[in-house]
Amino acid sequence: MRTTTKCSIIGGDLILPYADWNGRAEKSRGTQGFLNRLVWKNGYTQVVNSLTQGDALLDVHLVWPKGVFTSCTNVQGISDHCGMLLEVEWEKIAVSIK
């Protein structure tokens, strides 16, 4: 039997300055609340932990499973937003044959 472990990363400027990425969906309303609940329901983790434009966290990386995530770093000077450099361990995403 062949088992495949898959990794999924969604990244970009979601333009959701008030989204609560820490698991408190009741504080997020409308589109932001819907997206937060969708992310948590499907097991994603938001790994950007610094502001990306002014005083807002707009640019995110949603990672599943969290175990492949290594680090996330700000890159200054790309635009009016900080760029985010995401590092993952591809060795943890393996195909095994049983």
PDB file of N, CA and C in Angstrom:
ATOM      1  N   MET A   1       0.842  -1.168   0.000  1.00  0.00           N
ATOM      2  CA  MET A   1       0.000   0.000   0.000  1.00  0.00           C
ATOM      3  C   MET A   1       0.894   1.240   0.000  1.00  0.00           C
ATOM      4  N   ARG A   2       0.503   2.235  -0.748  1.00  0.00           N
ATOM      5  CA  ARG A   2       1.282   3.457  -0.841  1.00  0.00           C
ATOM      6  C   ARG A   2       0.590   4.564  -0.046  1.00  0.00           C
ATOM      7  N   THR A   3       1.342   5.195   0.850  1.00  0.00           N
ATOM      8  CA  THR A   3       0.818   6.285   1.653  1.00  0.00           C
ATOM      9  C   THR A   3       1.568   7.563   1.287  1.00  0.00           C
ATOM     10  N   THR A   4       0.842   8.619   1.045  1.00  0.00           N
ATOM     11  CA  THR A   4       1.463   9.886   0.698  1.00  0.00           C
ATOM     12  C   THR A   4       1.110  10.931   1.741  1.00  0.00           C
ATOM     13  N   THR A   5       2.129  11.614   2.245  1.00  0.00           N
ATOM     14  CA  THR A   5       1.906  12.736   3.131  1.00  0.00           C
ATOM     15  C   THR A   5       1.967  13.992   2.288  1.00  0.00           C
ATOM     16  N   LYS A   6       0.924  14.771   2.320  1.00  0.00           N
ATOM     17  CA  LYS A   6       0.875  15.980   1.505  1.00  0.00           C
ATOM     18  C   LYS A   6       1.051  17.210   2.376  1.00  0.00           C
ATOM     19  N   CYS A   7       1.563  18.251   1.755  1.00  0.00           N
ATOM     20  CA  CYS A   7       1.745  19.533   2.417  1.00  0.00           C
ATOM     21  C   CYS A   7       0.983  20.573   1.623  1.00  0.00           C
ATOM     22  N   SER A   8       0.382  21.506   2.316  1.00  0.00           N
ATOM     23  CA  SER A   8      -0.341  22.572   1.645  1.00  0.00           C
ATOM     24  C   SER A   8       0.078  23.898   2.259  1.00  0.00           C
ATOM     25  N   ILE A   9       0.432  24.859   1.400  1.00  0.00           N
ATOM     26  CA  ILE A   9       0.807  26.195   1.847  1.00  0.00           C
ATOM     27  C   ILE A   9       0.019  27.203   1.015  1.00  0.00           C
ATOM     28  N   ILE A  10      -0.707  28.075   1.708  1.00  0.00           N
ATOM     29  CA  ILE A  10      -1.431  29.151   1.067  1.00  0.00           C
ATOM     30  C   ILE A  10      -0.792  30.442   1.546  1.00  0.00           C
ATOM     31  N   GLY A  11      -0.357  31.280   0.624  1.00  0.00           N
ATOM     32  CA  GLY A  11       0.305  32.503   1.040  1.00  0.00           C
ATOM     33  C   GLY A  11      -0.153  33.690   0.225  1.00  0.00           C
ATOM     34  N   GLY A  12      -0.143  34.842   0.860  1.00  0.00           N
ATOM     35  CA  GLY A  12      -0.458  36.051   0.117  1.00  0.00           C
ATOM     36  C   GLY A  12      -0.999  37.154   0.985  1.00  0.00           C
ATOM     37  N   ASP A  13      -1.346  38.242   0.343  1.00  0.00           N
ATOM     38  CA  ASP A  13      -1.929  39.409   0.992  1.00  0.00           C
ATOM     39  C   ASP A  13      -3.435  39.207   1.026  1.00  0.00           C
ATOM     40  N   LEU A  14      -3.962  38.817   2.175  1.00  0.00           N
ATOM     41  CA  LEU A  14      -5.392  38.550   2.289  1.00  0.00           C
ATOM     42  C   LEU A  14      -6.208  39.798   2.606  1.00  0.00           C
ATOM     43  N   ILE A  15      -5.543  40.909   2.893  1.00  0.00           N
ATOM     44  CA  ILE A  15      -6.203  42.182   3.198  1.00  0.00           C
ATOM     45  C   ILE A  15      -7.266  41.992   4.283  1.00  0.00           C
ATOM     46  N   LEU A  16      -6.880  41.334   5.348  1.00  0.00           N
ATOM     47  CA  LEU A  16      -7.764  41.115   6.494  1.00  0.00           C
ATOM     48  C   LEU A  16      -7.062  41.623   7.754  1.00  0.00           C
ATOM     49  N   PRO A  17      -7.002  42.952   7.945  1.00  0.00           N
ATOM     50  CA  PRO A  17      -6.214  43.504   9.048  1.00  0.00           C
ATOM     51  C   PRO A  17      -6.728  43.155  10.439  1.00  0.00           C
ATOM     52  N   TYR A  18      -7.994  42.766  10.560  1.00  0.00           N
ATOM     53  CA  TYR A  18      -8.539  42.468  11.887  1.00  0.00           C
ATOM     54  C   TYR A  18      -8.762  40.982  12.115  1.00  0.00           C
ATOM     55  N   ALA A  19      -8.285  40.157  11.215  1.00  0.00           N
ATOM     56  CA  ALA A  19      -8.446  38.710  11.399  1.00  0.00           C
ATOM     57  C   ALA A  19      -7.677  38.272  12.632  1.00  0.00           C
ATOM     58  N   ASP A  20      -8.261  37.376  13.388  1.00  0.00           N
ATOM     59  CA  ASP A  20      -7.599  36.828  14.568  1.00  0.00           C
ATOM     60  C   ASP A  20      -7.089  35.449  14.199  1.00  0.00           C
ATOM     61  N   TRP A  21      -5.787  35.335  14.020  1.00  0.00           N
ATOM     62  CA  TRP A  21      -5.184  34.078  13.585  1.00  0.00           C
ATOM     63  C   TRP A  21      -4.835  33.161  14.755  1.00  0.00           C
ATOM     64  N   ASN A  22      -5.268  33.524  15.979  1.00  0.00           N
ATOM     65  CA  ASN A  22      -4.894  32.739  17.156  1.00  0.00           C
ATOM     66  C   ASN A  22      -6.023  31.877  17.704  1.00  0.00           C
ATOM     67  N   GLY A  23      -7.071  31.656  16.937  1.00  0.00           N
ATOM     68  CA  GLY A  23      -8.114  30.723  17.359  1.00  0.00           C
ATOM     69  C   GLY A  23      -9.324  31.329  18.031  1.00  0.00           C
ATOM     70  N   ARG A  24      -9.511  32.637  17.964  1.00  0.00           N
ATOM     71  CA  ARG A  24     -10.667  33.262  18.599  1.00  0.00           C
ATOM     72  C   ARG A  24     -11.598  33.830  17.523  1.00  0.00           C
ATOM     73  N   ALA A  25     -12.291  32.958  16.815  1.00  0.00           N
ATOM     74  CA  ALA A  25     -13.141  33.362  15.683  1.00  0.00           C
ATOM     75  C   ALA A  25     -14.291  34.262  16.107  1.00  0.00           C
ATOM     76  N   GLU A  26     -14.732  34.166  17.350  1.00  0.00           N
ATOM     77  CA  GLU A  26     -15.859  34.988  17.772  1.00  0.00           C
ATOM     78  C   GLU A  26     -15.530  36.487  17.728  1.00  0.00           C
ATOM     79  N   LYS A  27     -14.248  36.836  17.721  1.00  0.00           N
ATOM     80  CA  LYS A  27     -13.849  38.243  17.636  1.00  0.00           C
ATOM     81  C   LYS A  27     -13.774  38.729  16.190  1.00  0.00           C
ATOM     82  N   SER A  28     -13.780  37.807  15.237  1.00  0.00           N
ATOM     83  CA  SER A  28     -13.711  38.159  13.820  1.00  0.00           C
ATOM     84  C   SER A  28     -15.090  38.018  13.211  1.00  0.00           C
ATOM     85  N   ARG A  29     -15.486  39.018  12.430  1.00  0.00           N
ATOM     86  CA  ARG A  29     -16.825  38.994  11.841  1.00  0.00           C
ATOM     87  C   ARG A  29     -16.750  38.997  10.325  1.00  0.00           C
ATOM     88  N   GLY A  30     -17.865  38.672   9.697  1.00  0.00           N
ATOM     89  CA  GLY A  30     -17.977  38.730   8.242  1.00  0.00           C
ATOM     90  C   GLY A  30     -16.967  37.842   7.552  1.00  0.00           C
ATOM     91  N   THR A  31     -16.341  38.394   6.518  1.00  0.00           N
ATOM     92  CA  THR A  31     -15.377  37.637   5.713  1.00  0.00           C
ATOM     93  C   THR A  31     -14.216  37.145   6.558  1.00  0.00           C
ATOM     94  N   GLN A  32     -13.742  38.001   7.474  1.00  0.00           N
ATOM     95  CA  GLN A  32     -12.605  37.612   8.313  1.00  0.00           C
ATOM     96  C   GLN A  32     -12.956  36.446   9.223  1.00  0.00           C
ATOM     97  N   GLY A  33     -14.123  36.482   9.831  1.00  0.00           N
ATOM     98  CA  GLY A  33     -14.553  35.382  10.691  1.00  0.00           C
ATOM     99  C   GLY A  33     -14.736  34.101   9.903  1.00  0.00           C
ATOM    100  N   PHE A  34     -15.335  34.208   8.711  1.00  0.00           N
ATOM    101  CA  PHE A  34     -15.528  33.035   7.852  1.00  0.00           C
ATOM    102  C   PHE A  34     -14.190  32.408   7.495  1.00  0.00           C
ATOM    103  N   LEU A  35     -13.225  33.230   7.080  1.00  0.00           N
ATOM    104  CA  LEU A  35     -11.911  32.712   6.702  1.00  0.00           C
ATOM    105  C   LEU A  35     -11.203  32.088   7.895  1.00  0.00           C
ATOM    106  N   ASN A  36     -11.271  32.737   9.064  1.00  0.00           N
ATOM    107  CA  ASN A  36     -10.651  32.165  10.260  1.00  0.00           C
ATOM    108  C   ASN A  36     -11.219  30.780  10.554  1.00  0.00           C
ATOM    109  N   ARG A  37     -12.545  30.656  10.542  1.00  0.00           N
ATOM    110  CA  ARG A  37     -13.167  29.356  10.839  1.00  0.00           C
ATOM    111  C   ARG A  37     -12.793  28.313   9.792  1.00  0.00           C
ATOM    112  N   LEU A  38     -12.726  28.704   8.519  1.00  0.00           N
ATOM    113  CA  LEU A  38     -12.339  27.785   7.449  1.00  0.00           C
ATOM    114  C   LEU A  38     -10.904  27.281   7.649  1.00  0.00           C
ATOM    115  N   VAL A  39     -10.017  28.193   8.005  1.00  0.00           N
ATOM    116  CA  VAL A  39      -8.616  27.841   8.238  1.00  0.00           C
ATOM    117  C   VAL A  39      -8.503  26.852   9.387  1.00  0.00           C
ATOM    118  N   TRP A  40      -9.129  27.151  10.524  1.00  0.00           N
ATOM    119  CA  TRP A  40      -9.018  26.281  11.700  1.00  0.00           C
ATOM    120  C   TRP A  40      -9.709  24.943  11.482  1.00  0.00           C
ATOM    121  N   LYS A  41     -10.865  24.958  10.837  1.00  0.00           N
ATOM    122  CA  LYS A  41     -11.613  23.714  10.594  1.00  0.00           C
ATOM    123  C   LYS A  41     -10.783  22.733   9.767  1.00  0.00           C
ATOM    124  N   ASN A  42      -9.972  23.244   8.858  1.00  0.00           N
ATOM    125  CA  ASN A  42      -9.158  22.394   7.999  1.00  0.00           C
ATOM    126  C   ASN A  42      -7.738  22.176   8.502  1.00  0.00           C
ATOM    127  N   GLY A  43      -7.457  22.626   9.721  1.00  0.00           N
ATOM    128  CA  GLY A  43      -6.192  22.313  10.373  1.00  0.00           C
ATOM    129  C   GLY A  43      -5.002  23.170   9.965  1.00  0.00           C
ATOM    130  N   TYR A  44      -5.223  24.292   9.278  1.00  0.00           N
ATOM    131  CA  TYR A  44      -4.113  25.157   8.885  1.00  0.00           C
ATOM    132  C   TYR A  44      -3.622  25.978  10.076  1.00  0.00           C
ATOM    133  N   THR A  45      -2.363  26.359  10.026  1.00  0.00           N
ATOM    134  CA  THR A  45      -1.765  27.246  11.016  1.00  0.00           C
ATOM    135  C   THR A  45      -1.204  28.451  10.282  1.00  0.00           C
ATOM    136  N   GLN A  46      -1.497  29.651  10.762  1.00  0.00           N
ATOM    137  CA  GLN A  46      -0.955  30.882  10.192  1.00  0.00           C
ATOM    138  C   GLN A  46       0.382  31.134  10.882  1.00  0.00           C
ATOM    139  N   VAL A  47       1.480  31.201  10.120  1.00  0.00           N
ATOM    140  CA  VAL A  47       2.812  31.220  10.730  1.00  0.00           C
ATOM    141  C   VAL A  47       3.531  32.569  10.686  1.00  0.00           C
ATOM    142  N   VAL A  48       2.961  33.580  10.049  1.00  0.00           N
ATOM    143  CA  VAL A  48       3.592  34.901  10.054  1.00  0.00           C
ATOM    144  C   VAL A  48       3.271  35.550  11.400  1.00  0.00           C
ATOM    145  N   ASN A  49       4.300  35.984  12.125  1.00  0.00           N
ATOM    146  CA  ASN A  49       4.049  36.535  13.452  1.00  0.00           C
ATOM    147  C   ASN A  49       4.549  37.973  13.609  1.00  0.00           C
ATOM    148  N   SER A  50       4.735  38.673  12.486  1.00  0.00           N
ATOM    149  CA  SER A  50       5.153  40.075  12.564  1.00  0.00           C
ATOM    150  C   SER A  50       4.308  40.900  11.596  1.00  0.00           C
ATOM    151  N   LEU A  51       4.235  42.186  11.846  1.00  0.00           N
ATOM    152  CA  LEU A  51       3.438  43.085  11.017  1.00  0.00           C
ATOM    153  C   LEU A  51       4.041  43.180   9.627  1.00  0.00           C
ATOM    154  N   THR A  52       3.188  43.236   8.604  1.00  0.00           N
ATOM    155  CA  THR A  52       3.689  43.234   7.227  1.00  0.00           C
ATOM    156  C   THR A  52       3.410  44.531   6.469  1.00  0.00           C
ATOM    157  N   GLN A  53       2.525  45.370   6.992  1.00  0.00           N
ATOM    158  CA  GLN A  53       2.308  46.691   6.395  1.00  0.00           C
ATOM    159  C   GLN A  53       1.861  47.633   7.499  1.00  0.00           C
ATOM    160  N   GLY A  54       2.715  48.588   7.825  1.00  0.00           N
ATOM    161  CA  GLY A  54       2.388  49.515   8.899  1.00  0.00           C
ATOM    162  C   GLY A  54       2.121  48.768  10.191  1.00  0.00           C
ATOM    163  N   ASP A  55       0.920  48.975  10.763  1.00  0.00           N
ATOM    164  CA  ASP A  55       0.573  48.307  12.015  1.00  0.00           C
ATOM    165  C   ASP A  55      -0.373  47.126  11.806  1.00  0.00           C
ATOM    166  N   ALA A  56      -0.349  46.537  10.618  1.00  0.00           N
ATOM    167  CA  ALA A  56      -1.260  45.423  10.304  1.00  0.00           C
ATOM    168  C   ALA A  56      -0.499  44.193   9.805  1.00  0.00           C
ATOM    169  N   LEU A  57      -1.057  43.037  10.099  1.00  0.00           N
ATOM    170  CA  LEU A  57      -0.559  41.777   9.562  1.00  0.00           C
ATOM    171  C   LEU A  57      -1.481  41.418   8.412  1.00  0.00           C
ATOM    172  N   LEU A  58      -1.060  41.719   7.189  1.00  0.00           N
ATOM    173  CA  LEU A  58      -1.897  41.485   6.009  1.00  0.00           C
ATOM    174  C   LEU A  58      -1.434  40.292   5.187  1.00  0.00           C
ATOM    175  N   ASP A  59      -0.141  40.043   5.178  1.00  0.00           N
ATOM    176  CA  ASP A  59       0.445  38.989   4.348  1.00  0.00           C
ATOM    177  C   ASP A  59       0.670  37.757   5.220  1.00  0.00           C
ATOM    178  N   VAL A  60       0.067  36.652   4.842  1.00  0.00           N
ATOM    179  CA  VAL A  60       0.099  35.463   5.696  1.00  0.00           C
ATOM    180  C   VAL A  60       0.589  34.239   4.925  1.00  0.00           C
ATOM    181  N   HIS A  61       1.010  33.242   5.692  1.00  0.00           N
ATOM    182  CA  HIS A  61       1.292  31.907   5.166  1.00  0.00           C
ATOM    183  C   HIS A  61       0.467  30.942   6.016  1.00  0.00           C
ATOM    184  N   LEU A  62      -0.439  30.225   5.380  1.00  0.00           N
ATOM    185  CA  LEU A  62      -1.240  29.205   6.042  1.00  0.00           C
ATOM    186  C   LEU A  62      -0.617  27.865   5.690  1.00  0.00           C
ATOM    187  N   VAL A  63      -0.206  27.110   6.707  1.00  0.00           N
ATOM    188  CA  VAL A  63       0.568  25.884   6.495  1.00  0.00           C
ATOM    189  C   VAL A  63      -0.175  24.693   7.078  1.00  0.00           C
ATOM    190  N   TRP A  64      -0.150  23.586   6.324  1.00  0.00           N
ATOM    191  CA  TRP A  64      -0.664  22.313   6.830  1.00  0.00           C
ATOM    192  C   TRP A  64       0.203  21.196   6.288  1.00  0.00           C
ATOM    193  N   PRO A  65       0.698  20.306   7.082  1.00  0.00           N
ATOM    194  CA  PRO A  65       0.667  20.289   8.540  1.00  0.00           C
ATOM    195  C   PRO A  65       1.712  21.244   9.113  1.00  0.00           C
ATOM    196  N   LYS A  66       1.493  21.686  10.327  1.00  0.00           N
ATOM    197  CA  LYS A  66       2.400  22.652  10.947  1.00  0.00           C
ATOM    198  C   LYS A  66       3.808  22.095  11.100  1.00  0.00           C
ATOM    199  N   GLY A  67       3.943  20.786  11.234  1.00  0.00           N
ATOM    200  CA  GLY A  67       5.237  20.148  11.459  1.00  0.00           C
ATOM    201  C   GLY A  67       6.270  20.378  10.372  1.00  0.00           C
ATOM    202  N   VAL A  68       5.849  20.764   9.157  1.00  0.00           N
ATOM    203  CA  VAL A  68       6.819  21.000   8.083  1.00  0.00           C
ATOM    204  C   VAL A  68       7.408  22.408   8.158  1.00  0.00           C
ATOM    205  N   PHE A  69       6.788  23.280   8.933  1.00  0.00           N
ATOM    206  CA  PHE A  69       7.200  24.676   9.040  1.00  0.00           C
ATOM    207  C   PHE A  69       8.479  24.791   9.848  1.00  0.00           C
ATOM    208  N   THR A  70       9.437  25.589   9.329  1.00  0.00           N
ATOM    209  CA  THR A  70      10.692  25.836  10.031  1.00  0.00           C
ATOM    210  C   THR A  70      10.765  27.271  10.544  1.00  0.00           C
ATOM    211  N   SER A  71      10.633  28.248   9.639  1.00  0.00           N
ATOM    212  CA  SER A  71      10.707  29.648  10.060  1.00  0.00           C
ATOM    213  C   SER A  71      10.064  30.560   9.028  1.00  0.00           C
ATOM    214  N   CYS A  72       9.799  31.785   9.466  1.00  0.00           N
ATOM    215  CA  CYS A  72       9.235  32.808   8.597  1.00  0.00           C
ATOM    216  C   CYS A  72       9.948  34.119   8.938  1.00  0.00           C
ATOM    217  N   THR A  73      10.476  34.793   7.914  1.00  0.00           N
ATOM    218  CA  THR A  73      11.288  35.979   8.119  1.00  0.00           C
ATOM    219  C   THR A  73      10.776  37.139   7.272  1.00  0.00           C
ATOM    220  N   ASN A  74      10.779  38.353   7.847  1.00  0.00           N
ATOM    221  CA  ASN A  74      10.443  39.570   7.102  1.00  0.00           C
ATOM    222  C   ASN A  74      11.547  39.918   6.124  1.00  0.00           C
ATOM    223  N   VAL A  75      11.160  40.357   4.930  1.00  0.00           N
ATOM    224  CA  VAL A  75      12.106  40.868   3.945  1.00  0.00           C
ATOM    225  C   VAL A  75      11.670  42.294   3.628  1.00  0.00           C
ATOM    226  N   GLN A  76      12.488  43.271   3.987  1.00  0.00           N
ATOM    227  CA  GLN A  76      12.148  44.680   3.792  1.00  0.00           C
ATOM    228  C   GLN A  76      12.404  45.134   2.363  1.00  0.00           C
ATOM    229  N   GLY A  77      11.659  46.164   1.931  1.00  0.00           N
ATOM    230  CA  GLY A  77      11.956  46.851   0.690  1.00  0.00           C
ATOM    231  C   GLY A  77      11.384  46.262  -0.575  1.00  0.00           C
ATOM    232  N   ILE A  78      10.511  45.266  -0.492  1.00  0.00           N
ATOM    233  CA  ILE A  78       9.936  44.674  -1.687  1.00  0.00           C
ATOM    234  C   ILE A  78       8.829  45.566  -2.252  1.00  0.00           C
ATOM    235  N   SER A  79       8.008  46.136  -1.419  1.00  0.00           N
ATOM    236  CA  SER A  79       6.933  47.047  -1.817  1.00  0.00           C
ATOM    237  C   SER A  79       6.531  47.817  -0.568  1.00  0.00           C
ATOM    238  N   ASP A  80       5.290  48.302  -0.526  1.00  0.00           N
ATOM    239  CA  ASP A  80       4.834  48.940   0.707  1.00  0.00           C
ATOM    240  C   ASP A  80       4.513  47.913   1.785  1.00  0.00           C
ATOM    241  N   HIS A  81       4.584  46.628   1.443  1.00  0.00           N
ATOM    242  CA  HIS A  81       4.439  45.532   2.394  1.00  0.00           C
ATOM    243  C   HIS A  81       5.810  44.907   2.605  1.00  0.00           C
ATOM    244  N   CYS A  82       5.984  44.264   3.748  1.00  0.00           N
ATOM    245  CA  CYS A  82       7.175  43.437   3.950  1.00  0.00           C
ATOM    246  C   CYS A  82       6.934  42.127   3.211  1.00  0.00           C
ATOM    247  N   GLY A  83       7.936  41.614   2.568  1.00  0.00           N
ATOM    248  CA  GLY A  83       7.842  40.280   2.000  1.00  0.00           C
ATOM    249  C   GLY A  83       8.060  39.263   3.103  1.00  0.00           C
ATOM    250  N   MET A  84       7.526  38.088   2.945  1.00  0.00           N
ATOM    251  CA  MET A  84       7.684  37.046   3.948  1.00  0.00           C
ATOM    252  C   MET A  84       8.375  35.847   3.309  1.00  0.00           C
ATOM    253  N   LEU A  85       9.493  35.456   3.864  1.00  0.00           N
ATOM    254  CA  LEU A  85      10.247  34.306   3.384  1.00  0.00           C
ATOM    255  C   LEU A  85       9.915  33.122   4.284  1.00  0.00           C
ATOM    256  N   LEU A  86       9.292  32.115   3.709  1.00  0.00           N
ATOM    257  CA  LEU A  86       8.867  30.937   4.462  1.00  0.00           C
ATOM    258  C   LEU A  86       9.846  29.802   4.218  1.00  0.00           C
ATOM    259  N   GLU A  87      10.255  29.136   5.277  1.00  0.00           N
ATOM    260  CA  GLU A  87      11.120  27.963   5.167  1.00  0.00           C
ATOM    261  C   GLU A  87      10.386  26.749   5.714  1.00  0.00           C
ATOM    262  N   VAL A  88      10.462  25.648   4.963  1.00  0.00           N
ATOM    263  CA  VAL A  88       9.862  24.383   5.387  1.00  0.00           C
ATOM    264  C   VAL A  88      10.884  23.271   5.223  1.00  0.00           C
ATOM    265  N   GLU A  89      10.664  22.157   5.917  1.00  0.00           N
ATOM    266  CA  GLU A  89      11.526  20.990   5.801  1.00  0.00           C
ATOM    267  C   GLU A  89      10.860  19.984   4.880  1.00  0.00           C
ATOM    268  N   TRP A  90      11.324  19.920   3.645  1.00  0.00           N
ATOM    269  CA  TRP A  90      10.720  19.009   2.674  1.00  0.00           C
ATOM    270  C   TRP A  90      10.975  17.558   3.024  1.00  0.00           C
ATOM    271  N   GLU A  91      12.013  17.275   3.812  1.00  0.00           N
ATOM    272  CA  GLU A  91      12.276  15.891   4.210  1.00  0.00           C
ATOM    273  C   GLU A  91      11.134  15.329   5.040  1.00  0.00           C
ATOM    274  N   LYS A  92      10.404  16.200   5.706  1.00  0.00           N
ATOM    275  CA  LYS A  92       9.259  15.745   6.522  1.00  0.00           C
ATOM    276  C   LYS A  92       8.055  15.422   5.669  1.00  0.00           C
ATOM    277  N   ILE A  93       8.085  15.847   4.405  1.00  0.00           N
ATOM    278  CA  ILE A  93       6.997  15.549   3.481  1.00  0.00           C
ATOM    279  C   ILE A  93       7.472  14.384   2.640  1.00  0.00           C
ATOM    280  N   ALA A  94       7.149  13.187   3.037  1.00  0.00           N
ATOM    281  CA  ALA A  94       7.737  12.017   2.400  1.00  0.00           C
ATOM    282  C   ALA A  94       6.672  11.094   1.806  1.00  0.00           C
ATOM    283  N   VAL A  95       7.099  10.355   0.841  1.00  0.00           N
ATOM    284  CA  VAL A  95       6.265   9.299   0.284  1.00  0.00           C
ATOM    285  C   VAL A  95       6.843   7.978   0.793  1.00  0.00           C
ATOM    286  N   SER A  96       6.017   7.201   1.439  1.00  0.00           N
ATOM    287  CA  SER A  96       6.503   5.920   1.955  1.00  0.00           C
ATOM    288  C   SER A  96       5.697   4.798   1.338  1.00  0.00           C
ATOM    289  N   ILE A  97       6.349   3.698   1.099  1.00  0.00           N
ATOM    290  CA  ILE A  97       5.706   2.506   0.536  1.00  0.00           C
ATOM    291  C   ILE A  97       5.714   1.423   1.587  1.00  0.00           C
ATOM    292  N   LYS A  98       4.542   0.902   1.889  1.00  0.00           N
ATOM    293  CA  LYS A  98       4.434  -0.144   2.912  1.00  0.00           C
ATOM    294  C   LYS A  98       4.240  -1.473   2.252  1.00  0.00           C
TER     295      LYS A  98
END
